[in-house]
Amino acid sequence: MASTIFWIFVVGIGLFIGALFNAMSVKKPGFYPPKRVLKRRAVLLAALGSISFLLGMLLSAFK
């Protein structure tokens, strides 16, 4: 169970890193995906990262 919780947190960190990359890509000029696509993707990745962290905390609390 501990390894599952660990991997849930690792996935959450990866999702947050992806969200930061997409959020920083909005500032770059000439980046291919339109800015609205990058913003939507960053919000989705951040939301999924938050859900992953909440699930990991919930599972670790009831372990």
C-alpha atoms as a PDB file:
ATOM      1  CA  MET A   1       0.000   0.000   0.000  1.00  0.00           C
ATOM      2  CA  ALA A   2       2.867   2.363   0.787  1.00  0.00           C
ATOM      3  CA  SER A   3       4.342   1.986  -2.683  1.00  0.00           C
ATOM      4  CA  THR A   4       0.961   2.751  -4.266  1.00  0.00           C
ATOM      5  CA  ILE A   5       0.653   5.948  -2.240  1.00  0.00           C
ATOM      6  CA  PHE A   6       4.213   6.881  -3.190  1.00  0.00           C
ATOM      7  CA  TRP A   7       3.470   6.457  -6.899  1.00  0.00           C
ATOM      8  CA  ILE A   8       0.280   8.498  -6.600  1.00  0.00           C
ATOM      9  CA  PHE A   9       2.367  11.352  -5.168  1.00  0.00           C
ATOM     10  CA  VAL A  10       4.981  10.923  -7.926  1.00  0.00           C
ATOM     11  CA  VAL A  11       2.261  11.156 -10.585  1.00  0.00           C
ATOM     12  CA  GLY A  12       0.929  14.292  -8.873  1.00  0.00           C
ATOM     13  CA  ILE A  13       4.370  15.896  -8.955  1.00  0.00           C
ATOM     14  CA  GLY A  14       4.720  15.013 -12.638  1.00  0.00           C
ATOM     15  CA  LEU A  15       1.347  16.561 -13.397  1.00  0.00           C
ATOM     16  CA  PHE A  16       2.313  19.767 -11.577  1.00  0.00           C
ATOM     17  CA  ILE A  17       5.600  19.936 -13.500  1.00  0.00           C
ATOM     18  CA  GLY A  18       3.653  19.551 -16.745  1.00  0.00           C
ATOM     19  CA  ALA A  19       1.280  22.300 -15.675  1.00  0.00           C
ATOM     20  CA  LEU A  20       4.197  24.629 -14.915  1.00  0.00           C
ATOM     21  CA  PHE A  21       5.810  23.859 -18.288  1.00  0.00           C
ATOM     22  CA  ASN A  22       2.580  24.664 -20.135  1.00  0.00           C
ATOM     23  CA  ALA A  23       2.002  27.806 -18.065  1.00  0.00           C
ATOM     24  CA  MET A  24       5.522  29.050 -18.797  1.00  0.00           C
ATOM     25  CA  SER A  25       5.136  28.215 -22.503  1.00  0.00           C
ATOM     26  CA  VAL A  26       2.305  30.757 -22.732  1.00  0.00           C
ATOM     27  CA  LYS A  27       4.879  33.541 -22.218  1.00  0.00           C
ATOM     28  CA  LYS A  28       7.145  32.353 -25.047  1.00  0.00           C
ATOM     29  CA  PRO A  29       6.591  33.978 -28.419  1.00  0.00           C
ATOM     30  CA  GLY A  30       6.091  31.749 -31.419  1.00  0.00           C
ATOM     31  CA  PHE A  31       5.186  28.599 -29.513  1.00  0.00           C
ATOM     32  CA  TYR A  32       3.048  26.385 -31.751  1.00  0.00           C
ATOM     33  CA  PRO A  33      -0.079  25.486 -29.778  1.00  0.00           C
ATOM     34  CA  PRO A  34      -2.308  28.515 -29.365  1.00  0.00           C
ATOM     35  CA  LYS A  35      -2.205  30.195 -25.985  1.00  0.00           C
ATOM     36  CA  ARG A  36      -5.752  29.155 -25.132  1.00  0.00           C
ATOM     37  CA  VAL A  37      -4.832  25.497 -25.685  1.00  0.00           C
ATOM     38  CA  LEU A  38      -1.783  25.862 -23.436  1.00  0.00           C
ATOM     39  CA  LYS A  39      -3.819  27.587 -20.716  1.00  0.00           C
ATOM     40  CA  ARG A  40      -6.532  24.910 -20.849  1.00  0.00           C
ATOM     41  CA  ARG A  41      -3.908  22.149 -20.728  1.00  0.00           C
ATOM     42  CA  ALA A  42      -2.144  23.791 -17.761  1.00  0.00           C
ATOM     43  CA  VAL A  43      -5.401  24.087 -15.832  1.00  0.00           C
ATOM     44  CA  LEU A  44      -6.300  20.466 -16.560  1.00  0.00           C
ATOM     45  CA  LEU A  45      -2.885  19.190 -15.479  1.00  0.00           C
ATOM     46  CA  ALA A  46      -2.980  21.269 -12.289  1.00  0.00           C
ATOM     47  CA  ALA A  47      -6.469  19.995 -11.466  1.00  0.00           C
ATOM     48  CA  LEU A  48      -5.411  16.382 -12.031  1.00  0.00           C
ATOM     49  CA  GLY A  49      -2.305  16.964  -9.910  1.00  0.00           C
ATOM     50  CA  SER A  50      -4.435  18.359  -7.097  1.00  0.00           C
ATOM     51  CA  ILE A  51      -6.777  15.385  -7.272  1.00  0.00           C
ATOM     52  CA  SER A  52      -3.783  13.050  -7.210  1.00  0.00           C
ATOM     53  CA  PHE A  53      -2.349  14.746  -4.135  1.00  0.00           C
ATOM     54  CA  LEU A  54      -5.711  14.710  -2.368  1.00  0.00           C
ATOM     55  CA  LEU A  55      -6.134  11.014  -3.150  1.00  0.00           C
ATOM     56  CA  GLY A  56      -2.630  10.298  -1.871  1.00  0.00           C
ATOM     57  CA  MET A  57      -3.277  12.212   1.354  1.00  0.00           C
ATOM     58  CA  LEU A  58      -6.609  10.478   1.823  1.00  0.00           C
ATOM     59  CA  LEU A  59      -5.073   7.042   1.320  1.00  0.00           C
ATOM     60  CA  SER A  60      -2.144   7.818   3.618  1.00  0.00           C
ATOM     61  CA  ALA A  61      -4.521   9.059   6.336  1.00  0.00           C
ATOM     62  CA  PHE A  62      -6.527   5.827   6.307  1.00  0.00           C
ATOM     63  CA  LYS A  63      -3.560   3.491   5.840  1.00  0.00           C
END
